[in-house]
Amino acid sequence: MYTGEDMARLAKEILSKKWGYIFGRAGIKWTAEMQAAIDKTTESKYETARKYGKRWIGHYVADCSGLVKYICRQFKITVPHGSNSMWRDSLFEKGTIAGNSLPVGALVFKLRNESDFYHVGIYVGSGCVVEAQGTQTGVVQSSIKTWTHYGLVRGIGYSEGKREEVPGLKPGKAYVDVPNDGTVNIRKRATTNSTNLGTLREGAECEVIAVDGEWAEVRYLARGYIMSRFLRNKEG
């Protein structure tokens, strides 16, 4: 049986080969003829490909789920094209990253709007993820800190004794970490459509009660919810 380590090894090899990103693709070499065909379309889903796709001519390309689909295919595993479909149909274990440890080769996901697993990558260890990020950047390595959920692919073997603790928000004292000294909203419920109870500025302290993927329940004067990516635990 192929292993999570095999998945991670191939992902890092693809990273070193500087693969690009084109929506809807799953590991093909991008040509000038393919780009010309895209340039003639007016479909909104190809807007960034029309704008930036020329840089990937001569490179292999995939979108986020296409990259995972390609890697799984090399190990004789069939998964659907689409991160939501992968989350729903292709995993034998899944959950939130916060408070868990991950085996190398796990799929990692980003969640929005409570049910949309809109992005997927592969955990390659040491807090790093390989992902097909977008048409401007292609396949890159990113930090596990911005990902919310994980899943283990059916048919791949994972080393139970080699799971790694990953950095992430945990219950306890925390502070607001927002770029450019900004603010973050506190919501009544864990959704961006919920009532805004107020805002906290960069550096403000609060208590994290619980973490569930993209959202953290916090106590600051009253209870509410803040998006997890805008909080960092205080040491000590």
C-alpha atoms as a PDB file:
ATOM      1  CA  MET A   1       0.000   0.000   0.000  1.00  0.00           C
ATOM      2  CA  TYR A   2       1.197   3.484  -0.838  1.00  0.00           C
ATOM      3  CA  THR A   3       1.655   5.798   2.126  1.00  0.00           C
ATOM      4  CA  GLY A   4       1.174   9.372   3.202  1.00  0.00           C
ATOM      5  CA  GLU A   5       4.938   9.771   2.961  1.00  0.00           C
ATOM      6  CA  ASP A   6       4.679   8.837  -0.741  1.00  0.00           C
ATOM      7  CA  MET A   7       2.005  11.521  -1.194  1.00  0.00           C
ATOM      8  CA  ALA A   8       4.155  14.160   0.488  1.00  0.00           C
ATOM      9  CA  ARG A   9       7.281  13.154  -1.449  1.00  0.00           C
ATOM     10  CA  LEU A  10       5.517  13.567  -4.804  1.00  0.00           C
ATOM     11  CA  ALA A  11       3.945  16.877  -3.711  1.00  0.00           C
ATOM     12  CA  LYS A  12       7.397  18.260  -2.855  1.00  0.00           C
ATOM     13  CA  GLU A  13       8.774  16.995  -6.164  1.00  0.00           C
ATOM     14  CA  ILE A  14       6.001  18.835  -8.031  1.00  0.00           C
ATOM     15  CA  LEU A  15       6.767  21.966  -5.995  1.00  0.00           C
ATOM     16  CA  SER A  16      10.428  21.781  -7.070  1.00  0.00           C
ATOM     17  CA  LYS A  17       9.361  21.543 -10.727  1.00  0.00           C
ATOM     18  CA  LYS A  18       7.442  24.832 -10.449  1.00  0.00           C
ATOM     19  CA  TRP A  19       4.044  23.663 -11.606  1.00  0.00           C
ATOM     20  CA  GLY A  20       1.526  26.362 -12.476  1.00  0.00           C
ATOM     21  CA  TYR A  21      -2.188  26.797 -11.858  1.00  0.00           C
ATOM     22  CA  ILE A  22      -4.994  26.704 -14.408  1.00  0.00           C
ATOM     23  CA  PHE A  23      -8.576  26.206 -13.259  1.00  0.00           C
ATOM     24  CA  GLY A  24     -10.058  22.802 -14.081  1.00  0.00           C
ATOM     25  CA  ARG A  25      -6.758  21.097 -14.922  1.00  0.00           C
ATOM     26  CA  ALA A  26      -5.210  18.096 -13.188  1.00  0.00           C
ATOM     27  CA  GLY A  27      -1.601  17.689 -14.289  1.00  0.00           C
ATOM     28  CA  ILE A  28      -1.217  18.520 -17.987  1.00  0.00           C
ATOM     29  CA  LYS A  29       1.484  20.491 -19.796  1.00  0.00           C
ATOM     30  CA  TRP A  30       0.147  23.920 -20.682  1.00  0.00           C
ATOM     31  CA  THR A  31       0.655  24.971 -24.289  1.00  0.00           C
ATOM     32  CA  ALA A  32       0.312  28.168 -26.298  1.00  0.00           C
ATOM     33  CA  GLU A  33      -2.617  26.581 -28.151  1.00  0.00           C
ATOM     34  CA  MET A  34      -4.409  25.846 -24.882  1.00  0.00           C
ATOM     35  CA  GLN A  35      -3.846  29.415 -23.715  1.00  0.00           C
ATOM     36  CA  ALA A  36      -5.142  30.781 -27.020  1.00  0.00           C
ATOM     37  CA  ALA A  37      -8.336  28.761 -26.594  1.00  0.00           C
ATOM     38  CA  ILE A  38      -8.799  30.155 -23.080  1.00  0.00           C
ATOM     39  CA  ASP A  39      -8.158  33.689 -24.320  1.00  0.00           C
ATOM     40  CA  LYS A  40     -11.110  33.383 -26.695  1.00  0.00           C
ATOM     41  CA  THR A  41     -13.574  32.547 -23.934  1.00  0.00           C
ATOM     42  CA  THR A  42     -15.597  35.000 -21.876  1.00  0.00           C
ATOM     43  CA  GLU A  43     -16.418  32.635 -18.990  1.00  0.00           C
ATOM     44  CA  SER A  44     -15.763  34.263 -15.610  1.00  0.00           C
ATOM     45  CA  LYS A  45     -14.117  31.106 -14.223  1.00  0.00           C
ATOM     46  CA  TYR A  46     -11.233  31.627 -16.676  1.00  0.00           C
ATOM     47  CA  GLU A  47     -10.741  35.324 -15.951  1.00  0.00           C
ATOM     48  CA  THR A  48      -7.458  34.860 -14.089  1.00  0.00           C
ATOM     49  CA  ALA A  49      -6.242  32.293 -16.644  1.00  0.00           C
ATOM     50  CA  ARG A  50      -6.760  34.860 -19.415  1.00  0.00           C
ATOM     51  CA  LYS A  51      -4.853  37.423 -17.387  1.00  0.00           C
ATOM     52  CA  TYR A  52      -1.981  35.336 -15.997  1.00  0.00           C
ATOM     53  CA  GLY A  53      -2.058  31.955 -17.753  1.00  0.00           C
ATOM     54  CA  LYS A  54       0.635  32.779 -20.317  1.00  0.00           C
ATOM     55  CA  ARG A  55       3.303  32.517 -17.612  1.00  0.00           C
ATOM     56  CA  TRP A  56       2.589  28.787 -17.311  1.00  0.00           C
ATOM     57  CA  ILE A  57       3.109  27.867 -20.974  1.00  0.00           C
ATOM     58  CA  GLY A  58       5.620  25.013 -20.988  1.00  0.00           C
ATOM     59  CA  HIS A  59       4.863  24.089 -17.358  1.00  0.00           C
ATOM     60  CA  TYR A  60       2.594  21.400 -15.984  1.00  0.00           C
ATOM     61  CA  VAL A  61      -0.553  22.889 -14.446  1.00  0.00           C
ATOM     62  CA  ALA A  62      -3.372  21.945 -12.067  1.00  0.00           C
ATOM     63  CA  ASP A  63      -5.898  23.678  -9.859  1.00  0.00           C
ATOM     64  CA  CYS A  64      -6.011  22.876  -6.139  1.00  0.00           C
ATOM     65  CA  SER A  65      -8.104  19.706  -6.320  1.00  0.00           C
ATOM     66  CA  GLY A  66      -6.542  18.813  -9.665  1.00  0.00           C
ATOM     67  CA  LEU A  67      -3.134  18.684  -7.982  1.00  0.00           C
ATOM     68  CA  VAL A  68      -4.445  16.272  -5.349  1.00  0.00           C
ATOM     69  CA  LYS A  69      -6.273  14.247  -8.009  1.00  0.00           C
ATOM     70  CA  TYR A  70      -3.056  13.941 -10.045  1.00  0.00           C
ATOM     71  CA  ILE A  71      -1.000  12.835  -7.035  1.00  0.00           C
ATOM     72  CA  CYS A  72      -3.585  10.246  -5.971  1.00  0.00           C
ATOM     73  CA  ARG A  73      -3.764   8.922  -9.532  1.00  0.00           C
ATOM     74  CA  GLN A  74      -0.033   8.155  -9.476  1.00  0.00           C
ATOM     75  CA  PHE A  75      -0.752   5.814  -6.554  1.00  0.00           C
ATOM     76  CA  LYS A  76      -3.746   4.193  -8.267  1.00  0.00           C
ATOM     77  CA  ILE A  77      -6.270   6.042  -6.085  1.00  0.00           C
ATOM     78  CA  THR A  78      -9.262   7.701  -7.773  1.00  0.00           C
ATOM     79  CA  VAL A  79     -10.678  10.852  -6.196  1.00  0.00           C
ATOM     80  CA  PRO A  80     -13.129  13.368  -7.670  1.00  0.00           C
ATOM     81  CA  HIS A  81     -12.102  16.724  -9.073  1.00  0.00           C
ATOM     82  CA  GLY A  82     -13.393  19.290  -6.573  1.00  0.00           C
ATOM     83  CA  SER A  83     -12.421  19.932  -2.971  1.00  0.00           C
ATOM     84  CA  ASN A  84     -15.983  19.684  -1.645  1.00  0.00           C
ATOM     85  CA  SER A  85     -16.424  16.317  -3.383  1.00  0.00           C
ATOM     86  CA  MET A  86     -13.114  15.092  -1.966  1.00  0.00           C
ATOM     87  CA  TRP A  87     -14.202  16.084   1.531  1.00  0.00           C
ATOM     88  CA  ARG A  88     -17.533  14.333   1.128  1.00  0.00           C
ATOM     89  CA  ASP A  89     -16.570  11.147  -0.746  1.00  0.00           C
ATOM     90  CA  SER A  90     -12.858  10.276  -0.494  1.00  0.00           C
ATOM     91  CA  LEU A  91     -11.849  10.285   3.179  1.00  0.00           C
ATOM     92  CA  PHE A  92     -11.914   7.627   5.885  1.00  0.00           C
ATOM     93  CA  GLU A  93     -11.034  10.102   8.664  1.00  0.00           C
ATOM     94  CA  LYS A  94     -11.612  13.841   8.816  1.00  0.00           C
ATOM     95  CA  GLY A  95     -11.908  16.645  11.330  1.00  0.00           C
ATOM     96  CA  THR A  96     -10.692  20.053  12.392  1.00  0.00           C
ATOM     97  CA  ILE A  97      -6.961  20.690  12.547  1.00  0.00           C
ATOM     98  CA  ALA A  98      -7.169  22.620  15.807  1.00  0.00           C
ATOM     99  CA  GLY A  99      -6.305  20.347  18.716  1.00  0.00           C
ATOM    100  CA  ASN A 100      -5.284  17.417  16.491  1.00  0.00           C
ATOM    101  CA  SER A 101      -2.036  15.973  15.185  1.00  0.00           C
ATOM    102  CA  LEU A 102      -1.577  15.170  11.498  1.00  0.00           C
ATOM    103  CA  PRO A 103       0.217  12.411   9.614  1.00  0.00           C
ATOM    104  CA  VAL A 104       2.389  13.461   6.697  1.00  0.00           C
ATOM    105  CA  GLY A 105       0.410  13.196   3.456  1.00  0.00           C
ATOM    106  CA  ALA A 106      -2.950  14.187   4.943  1.00  0.00           C
ATOM    107  CA  LEU A 107      -5.178  16.390   2.830  1.00  0.00           C
ATOM    108  CA  VAL A 108      -5.880  19.786   4.370  1.00  0.00           C
ATOM    109  CA  PHE A 109      -8.844  22.004   3.607  1.00  0.00           C
ATOM    110  CA  LYS A 110     -10.070  25.573   4.056  1.00  0.00           C
ATOM    111  CA  LEU A 111     -13.688  26.074   5.094  1.00  0.00           C
ATOM    112  CA  ARG A 112     -15.919  29.089   4.531  1.00  0.00           C
ATOM    113  CA  ASN A 113     -19.594  29.749   5.081  1.00  0.00           C
ATOM    114  CA  GLU A 114     -19.887  26.741   7.405  1.00  0.00           C
ATOM    115  CA  SER A 115     -20.133  24.087   4.648  1.00  0.00           C
ATOM    116  CA  ASP A 116     -17.951  25.096   1.678  1.00  0.00           C
ATOM    117  CA  PHE A 117     -14.582  23.310   1.662  1.00  0.00           C
ATOM    118  CA  TYR A 118     -13.323  25.554  -1.095  1.00  0.00           C
ATOM    119  CA  HIS A 119      -9.588  24.771  -1.124  1.00  0.00           C
ATOM    120  CA  VAL A 120      -7.396  21.683  -0.627  1.00  0.00           C
ATOM    121  CA  GLY A 121      -3.675  20.952  -0.291  1.00  0.00           C
ATOM    122  CA  ILE A 122      -1.323  18.247   1.012  1.00  0.00           C
ATOM    123  CA  TYR A 123       0.410  18.361   4.393  1.00  0.00           C
ATOM    124  CA  VAL A 124       4.105  17.589   3.851  1.00  0.00           C
ATOM    125  CA  GLY A 125       5.267  17.844   7.465  1.00  0.00           C
ATOM    126  CA  SER A 126       7.001  20.373   9.727  1.00  0.00           C
ATOM    127  CA  GLY A 127       4.004  22.707   9.593  1.00  0.00           C
ATOM    128  CA  CYS A 128       4.091  23.012   5.783  1.00  0.00           C
ATOM    129  CA  VAL A 129       1.494  22.473   3.046  1.00  0.00           C
ATOM    130  CA  VAL A 130       1.976  22.125  -0.723  1.00  0.00           C
ATOM    131  CA  GLU A 131      -0.937  23.654  -2.607  1.00  0.00           C
ATOM    132  CA  ALA A 132      -1.901  24.852  -6.083  1.00  0.00           C
ATOM    133  CA  GLN A 133      -2.619  28.348  -4.800  1.00  0.00           C
ATOM    134  CA  GLY A 134      -3.760  30.383  -7.789  1.00  0.00           C
ATOM    135  CA  THR A 135      -2.980  31.465 -11.342  1.00  0.00           C
ATOM    136  CA  GLN A 136      -0.598  34.208 -10.231  1.00  0.00           C
ATOM    137  CA  THR A 137       1.513  31.983  -7.986  1.00  0.00           C
ATOM    138  CA  GLY A 138       1.064  28.355  -9.111  1.00  0.00           C
ATOM    139  CA  VAL A 139       2.087  25.498  -6.806  1.00  0.00           C
ATOM    140  CA  VAL A 140       3.609  26.869  -3.613  1.00  0.00           C
ATOM    141  CA  GLN A 141       4.441  25.887  -0.051  1.00  0.00           C
ATOM    142  CA  SER A 142       2.417  27.546   2.711  1.00  0.00           C
ATOM    143  CA  SER A 143       1.956  27.349   6.475  1.00  0.00           C
ATOM    144  CA  ILE A 144      -0.521  24.957   8.069  1.00  0.00           C
ATOM    145  CA  LYS A 145      -1.714  27.876  10.246  1.00  0.00           C
ATOM    146  CA  THR A 146      -4.156  29.136   7.592  1.00  0.00           C
ATOM    147  CA  TRP A 147      -5.887  25.757   7.077  1.00  0.00           C
ATOM    148  CA  THR A 148      -8.918  24.611   9.071  1.00  0.00           C
ATOM    149  CA  HIS A 149      -9.643  20.899   8.421  1.00  0.00           C
ATOM    150  CA  TYR A 150      -7.872  17.676   7.483  1.00  0.00           C
ATOM    151  CA  GLY A 151      -8.755  14.333   5.915  1.00  0.00           C
ATOM    152  CA  LEU A 152      -7.094  10.971   5.242  1.00  0.00           C
ATOM    153  CA  VAL A 153      -7.575   9.436   1.789  1.00  0.00           C
ATOM    154  CA  ARG A 154      -9.116   5.982   1.419  1.00  0.00           C
ATOM    155  CA  GLY A 155      -6.562   3.520   0.058  1.00  0.00           C
ATOM    156  CA  ILE A 156      -3.513   5.381   1.397  1.00  0.00           C
ATOM    157  CA  GLY A 157      -1.656   4.119   4.458  1.00  0.00           C
ATOM    158  CA  TYR A 158      -0.780   6.618   7.178  1.00  0.00           C
ATOM    159  CA  SER A 159       1.722   6.081   9.990  1.00  0.00           C
ATOM    160  CA  GLU A 160      -0.241   6.312  13.245  1.00  0.00           C
ATOM    161  CA  GLY A 161       2.961   6.572  15.280  1.00  0.00           C
ATOM    162  CA  LYS A 162       4.286   9.461  13.233  1.00  0.00           C
ATOM    163  CA  ARG A 163       1.575  12.064  13.592  1.00  0.00           C
ATOM    164  CA  GLU A 164       2.891  15.574  14.104  1.00  0.00           C
ATOM    165  CA  GLU A 165       1.538  18.201  16.439  1.00  0.00           C
ATOM    166  CA  VAL A 166       0.669  21.177  14.270  1.00  0.00           C
ATOM    167  CA  PRO A 167       0.572  24.817  15.331  1.00  0.00           C
ATOM    168  CA  GLY A 168      -2.912  26.136  15.772  1.00  0.00           C
ATOM    169  CA  LEU A 169      -5.206  28.124  18.012  1.00  0.00           C
ATOM    170  CA  LYS A 170      -6.147  26.398  21.266  1.00  0.00           C
ATOM    171  CA  PRO A 171      -8.447  27.301  24.191  1.00  0.00           C
ATOM    172  CA  GLY A 172      -6.862  29.773  26.601  1.00  0.00           C
ATOM    173  CA  LYS A 173      -5.564  33.329  26.579  1.00  0.00           C
ATOM    174  CA  ALA A 174      -5.169  34.845  23.124  1.00  0.00           C
ATOM    175  CA  TYR A 175      -4.636  38.150  21.373  1.00  0.00           C
ATOM    176  CA  VAL A 176      -5.895  39.628  18.117  1.00  0.00           C
ATOM    177  CA  ASP A 177      -3.415  39.337  15.248  1.00  0.00           C
ATOM    178  CA  VAL A 178      -4.686  41.325  12.256  1.00  0.00           C
ATOM    179  CA  PRO A 179      -2.484  42.654   9.422  1.00  0.00           C
ATOM    180  CA  ASN A 180      -1.721  46.377   9.299  1.00  0.00           C
ATOM    181  CA  ASP A 181      -3.007  47.171  12.799  1.00  0.00           C
ATOM    182  CA  GLY A 182      -6.564  46.464  11.751  1.00  0.00           C
ATOM    183  CA  THR A 183      -9.686  45.279  13.577  1.00  0.00           C
ATOM    184  CA  VAL A 184     -11.687  42.061  13.699  1.00  0.00           C
ATOM    185  CA  ASN A 185     -15.424  41.606  14.230  1.00  0.00           C
ATOM    186  CA  ILE A 186     -16.980  39.651  17.105  1.00  0.00           C
ATOM    187  CA  ARG A 187     -20.094  37.833  15.897  1.00  0.00           C
ATOM    188  CA  LYS A 188     -23.070  36.545  17.870  1.00  0.00           C
ATOM    189  CA  ARG A 189     -22.834  33.212  16.022  1.00  0.00           C
ATOM    190  CA  ALA A 190     -20.103  31.507  13.977  1.00  0.00           C
ATOM    191  CA  THR A 191     -21.028  33.023  10.632  1.00  0.00           C
ATOM    192  CA  THR A 192     -20.169  36.255   8.844  1.00  0.00           C
ATOM    193  CA  ASN A 193     -23.900  36.908   8.419  1.00  0.00           C
ATOM    194  CA  SER A 194     -24.498  36.960  12.181  1.00  0.00           C
ATOM    195  CA  THR A 195     -25.001  40.084  14.302  1.00  0.00           C
ATOM    196  CA  ASN A 196     -21.818  42.063  14.843  1.00  0.00           C
ATOM    197  CA  LEU A 197     -21.325  42.477  18.610  1.00  0.00           C
ATOM    198  CA  GLY A 198     -18.356  44.820  18.224  1.00  0.00           C
ATOM    199  CA  THR A 199     -14.747  44.938  17.092  1.00  0.00           C
ATOM    200  CA  LEU A 200     -11.360  44.240  18.621  1.00  0.00           C
ATOM    201  CA  ARG A 201      -8.175  45.973  17.561  1.00  0.00           C
ATOM    202  CA  GLU A 202      -4.780  44.440  16.860  1.00  0.00           C
ATOM    203  CA  GLY A 203      -3.199  43.260  20.125  1.00  0.00           C
ATOM    204  CA  ALA A 204      -6.438  43.148  22.142  1.00  0.00           C
ATOM    205  CA  GLU A 205      -6.646  40.218  24.563  1.00  0.00           C
ATOM    206  CA  CYS A 206      -9.502  37.748  24.957  1.00  0.00           C
ATOM    207  CA  GLU A 207     -10.118  34.208  26.173  1.00  0.00           C
ATOM    208  CA  VAL A 208     -10.663  31.423  23.644  1.00  0.00           C
ATOM    209  CA  ILE A 209     -13.318  29.045  24.982  1.00  0.00           C
ATOM    210  CA  ALA A 210     -13.418  26.597  22.062  1.00  0.00           C
ATOM    211  CA  VAL A 211     -12.115  26.290  18.495  1.00  0.00           C
ATOM    212  CA  ASP A 212     -14.125  24.725  15.678  1.00  0.00           C
ATOM    213  CA  GLY A 213     -12.300  25.053  12.380  1.00  0.00           C
ATOM    214  CA  GLU A 214     -12.614  28.556  10.973  1.00  0.00           C
ATOM    215  CA  TRP A 215     -14.250  30.008  14.093  1.00  0.00           C
ATOM    216  CA  ALA A 216     -13.299  30.436  17.749  1.00  0.00           C
ATOM    217  CA  GLU A 217     -15.758  31.028  20.564  1.00  0.00           C
ATOM    218  CA  VAL A 218     -14.303  33.757  22.760  1.00  0.00           C
ATOM    219  CA  ARG A 219     -15.060  35.662  25.928  1.00  0.00           C
ATOM    220  CA  TYR A 220     -14.506  39.422  25.826  1.00  0.00           C
ATOM    221  CA  LEU A 221     -16.993  41.240  28.086  1.00  0.00           C
ATOM    222  CA  ALA A 222     -19.526  38.776  26.634  1.00  0.00           C
ATOM    223  CA  ARG A 223     -19.335  35.588  24.593  1.00  0.00           C
ATOM    224  CA  GLY A 224     -19.050  35.730  20.823  1.00  0.00           C
ATOM    225  CA  TYR A 225     -17.195  34.346  17.824  1.00  0.00           C
ATOM    226  CA  ILE A 226     -14.077  35.494  15.981  1.00  0.00           C
ATOM    227  CA  MET A 227     -12.499  33.896  12.921  1.00  0.00           C
ATOM    228  CA  SER A 228      -9.663  31.686  14.175  1.00  0.00           C
ATOM    229  CA  ARG A 229      -7.072  32.998  11.735  1.00  0.00           C
ATOM    230  CA  PHE A 230      -7.167  36.412  13.420  1.00  0.00           C
ATOM    231  CA  LEU A 231      -6.209  35.047  16.869  1.00  0.00           C
ATOM    232  CA  ARG A 232      -2.927  33.830  18.377  1.00  0.00           C
ATOM    233  CA  ASN A 233      -2.404  32.157  21.732  1.00  0.00           C
ATOM    234  CA  LYS A 234      -0.438  34.030  24.381  1.00  0.00           C
ATOM    235  CA  GLU A 235       2.563  32.184  25.730  1.00  0.00           C
ATOM    236  CA  GLY A 236       2.863  31.527  29.452  1.00  0.00           C
END
